[in-house]
């Protein structure tokens, strides 16, 4: 751990890398330099994929609410005339 910290890596990611690579310092350093970014990208893509349906449902709900409000305004204007 101390050799990774001396090279400027933060403690949390360094500990994670060492656990992931069974305390192999070289493998942990390689992962911190190269593999961690790839893993983060994969995680981001998965989370984007999970959130997309929620976003679509939210947009559909907002459109339905706007349509309902527009209909109420139209009915109100017609009843006033």
C-alpha atoms as a PDB file:
ATOM      1  CA  UNK A   1       0.000   0.000   0.000  1.00  0.00           C
ATOM      2  CA  UNK A   2       2.744   2.440   0.908  1.00  0.00           C
ATOM      3  CA  UNK A   3       4.468   2.031  -2.468  1.00  0.00           C
ATOM      4  CA  UNK A   4       1.231   2.939  -4.277  1.00  0.00           C
ATOM      5  CA  UNK A   5       0.626   5.881  -1.945  1.00  0.00           C
ATOM      6  CA  UNK A   6       4.185   7.126  -2.525  1.00  0.00           C
ATOM      7  CA  UNK A   7       3.500   7.113  -6.254  1.00  0.00           C
ATOM      8  CA  UNK A   8       0.585   9.491  -5.747  1.00  0.00           C
ATOM      9  CA  UNK A   9      -2.428   7.187  -5.745  1.00  0.00           C
ATOM     10  CA  UNK A  10      -5.199   7.855  -3.243  1.00  0.00           C
ATOM     11  CA  UNK A  11      -5.608   5.392  -0.401  1.00  0.00           C
ATOM     12  CA  UNK A  12      -9.136   4.192  -1.224  1.00  0.00           C
ATOM     13  CA  UNK A  13      -8.493   3.234  -4.854  1.00  0.00           C
ATOM     14  CA  UNK A  14      -5.056   1.810  -3.911  1.00  0.00           C
ATOM     15  CA  UNK A  15      -6.590  -0.459  -1.271  1.00  0.00           C
ATOM     16  CA  UNK A  16      -9.288  -1.571  -3.716  1.00  0.00           C
ATOM     17  CA  UNK A  17      -6.684  -2.355  -6.369  1.00  0.00           C
ATOM     18  CA  UNK A  18      -4.575  -4.373  -3.932  1.00  0.00           C
ATOM     19  CA  UNK A  19      -7.606  -6.361  -2.762  1.00  0.00           C
ATOM     20  CA  UNK A  20      -8.642  -6.980  -6.361  1.00  0.00           C
ATOM     21  CA  UNK A  21      -5.154  -8.249  -7.267  1.00  0.00           C
ATOM     22  CA  UNK A  22      -4.317 -10.198  -4.070  1.00  0.00           C
ATOM     23  CA  UNK A  23      -1.734  -7.652  -2.870  1.00  0.00           C
ATOM     24  CA  UNK A  24       0.228  -7.821  -6.137  1.00  0.00           C
ATOM     25  CA  UNK A  25       1.575  -4.262  -6.222  1.00  0.00           C
ATOM     26  CA  UNK A  26       2.500  -4.278  -9.921  1.00  0.00           C
ATOM     27  CA  UNK A  27      -0.883  -5.640 -11.022  1.00  0.00           C
ATOM     28  CA  UNK A  28      -2.635  -3.170  -8.730  1.00  0.00           C
ATOM     29  CA  UNK A  29      -0.639  -0.279 -10.200  1.00  0.00           C
ATOM     30  CA  UNK A  30      -1.407  -1.415 -13.752  1.00  0.00           C
ATOM     31  CA  UNK A  31      -5.090  -1.584 -12.884  1.00  0.00           C
ATOM     32  CA  UNK A  32      -5.008   1.867 -11.298  1.00  0.00           C
ATOM     33  CA  UNK A  33      -3.354   3.309 -14.405  1.00  0.00           C
ATOM     34  CA  UNK A  34      -5.286   1.447 -17.116  1.00  0.00           C
ATOM     35  CA  UNK A  35      -8.050  -0.853 -15.963  1.00  0.00           C
ATOM     36  CA  UNK A  36      -9.792   1.397 -13.485  1.00  0.00           C
ATOM     37  CA  UNK A  37     -10.793   3.882 -16.191  1.00  0.00           C
ATOM     38  CA  UNK A  38     -12.232   1.089 -18.331  1.00  0.00           C
ATOM     39  CA  UNK A  39     -14.166  -0.314 -15.395  1.00  0.00           C
ATOM     40  CA  UNK A  40     -15.548   3.134 -14.533  1.00  0.00           C
ATOM     41  CA  UNK A  41     -16.654   3.600 -18.159  1.00  0.00           C
ATOM     42  CA  UNK A  42     -18.448   0.238 -18.133  1.00  0.00           C
ATOM     43  CA  UNK A  43     -20.146   1.141 -14.852  1.00  0.00           C
ATOM     44  CA  UNK A  44     -21.234   4.512 -16.281  1.00  0.00           C
ATOM     45  CA  UNK A  45     -22.671   2.902 -19.408  1.00  0.00           C
ATOM     46  CA  UNK A  46     -24.611   0.382 -17.336  1.00  0.00           C
ATOM     47  CA  UNK A  47     -25.990   3.088 -15.076  1.00  0.00           C
ATOM     48  CA  UNK A  48     -26.993   5.171 -18.115  1.00  0.00           C
ATOM     49  CA  UNK A  49     -28.787   2.152 -19.512  1.00  0.00           C
ATOM     50  CA  UNK A  50     -30.651   1.623 -16.263  1.00  0.00           C
ATOM     51  CA  UNK A  51     -31.719   5.240 -15.979  1.00  0.00           C
ATOM     52  CA  UNK A  52     -32.962   5.595 -19.569  1.00  0.00           C
ATOM     53  CA  UNK A  53     -36.345   3.847 -19.086  1.00  0.00           C
ATOM     54  CA  UNK A  54     -36.991   5.947 -16.001  1.00  0.00           C
ATOM     55  CA  UNK A  55     -36.278   9.084 -18.008  1.00  0.00           C
ATOM     56  CA  UNK A  56     -38.598   7.980 -20.816  1.00  0.00           C
ATOM     57  CA  UNK A  57     -41.364   7.245 -18.326  1.00  0.00           C
ATOM     58  CA  UNK A  58     -40.830  10.640 -16.695  1.00  0.00           C
ATOM     59  CA  UNK A  59     -41.066  12.452 -20.042  1.00  0.00           C
ATOM     60  CA  UNK A  60     -44.227  10.562 -20.944  1.00  0.00           C
ATOM     61  CA  UNK A  61     -45.753  11.434 -17.585  1.00  0.00           C
ATOM     62  CA  UNK A  62     -44.897  15.131 -18.008  1.00  0.00           C
ATOM     63  CA  UNK A  63     -46.405  15.190 -21.507  1.00  0.00           C
ATOM     64  CA  UNK A  64     -49.595  13.576 -20.202  1.00  0.00           C
ATOM     65  CA  UNK A  65     -49.800  16.135 -17.389  1.00  0.00           C
ATOM     66  CA  UNK A  66     -49.332  19.008 -19.860  1.00  0.00           C
ATOM     67  CA  UNK A  67     -52.029  17.614 -22.148  1.00  0.00           C
ATOM     68  CA  UNK A  68     -54.417  17.338 -19.201  1.00  0.00           C
ATOM     69  CA  UNK A  69     -53.670  20.939 -18.151  1.00  0.00           C
ATOM     70  CA  UNK A  70     -54.197  22.180 -21.711  1.00  0.00           C
ATOM     71  CA  UNK A  71     -57.554  20.377 -21.900  1.00  0.00           C
ATOM     72  CA  UNK A  72     -58.659  21.898 -18.582  1.00  0.00           C
ATOM     73  CA  UNK A  73     -57.735  25.390 -19.791  1.00  0.00           C
ATOM     74  CA  UNK A  74     -59.591  24.796 -23.057  1.00  0.00           C
ATOM     75  CA  UNK A  75     -62.691  23.586 -21.207  1.00  0.00           C
ATOM     76  CA  UNK A  76     -62.516  26.545 -18.829  1.00  0.00           C
ATOM     77  CA  UNK A  77     -62.312  29.031 -21.730  1.00  0.00           C
ATOM     78  CA  UNK A  78     -65.235  27.342 -23.511  1.00  0.00           C
ATOM     79  CA  UNK A  79     -67.417  27.418 -20.388  1.00  0.00           C
ATOM     80  CA  UNK A  80     -66.656  31.134 -19.865  1.00  0.00           C
ATOM     81  CA  UNK A  81     -67.718  32.000 -23.427  1.00  0.00           C
END
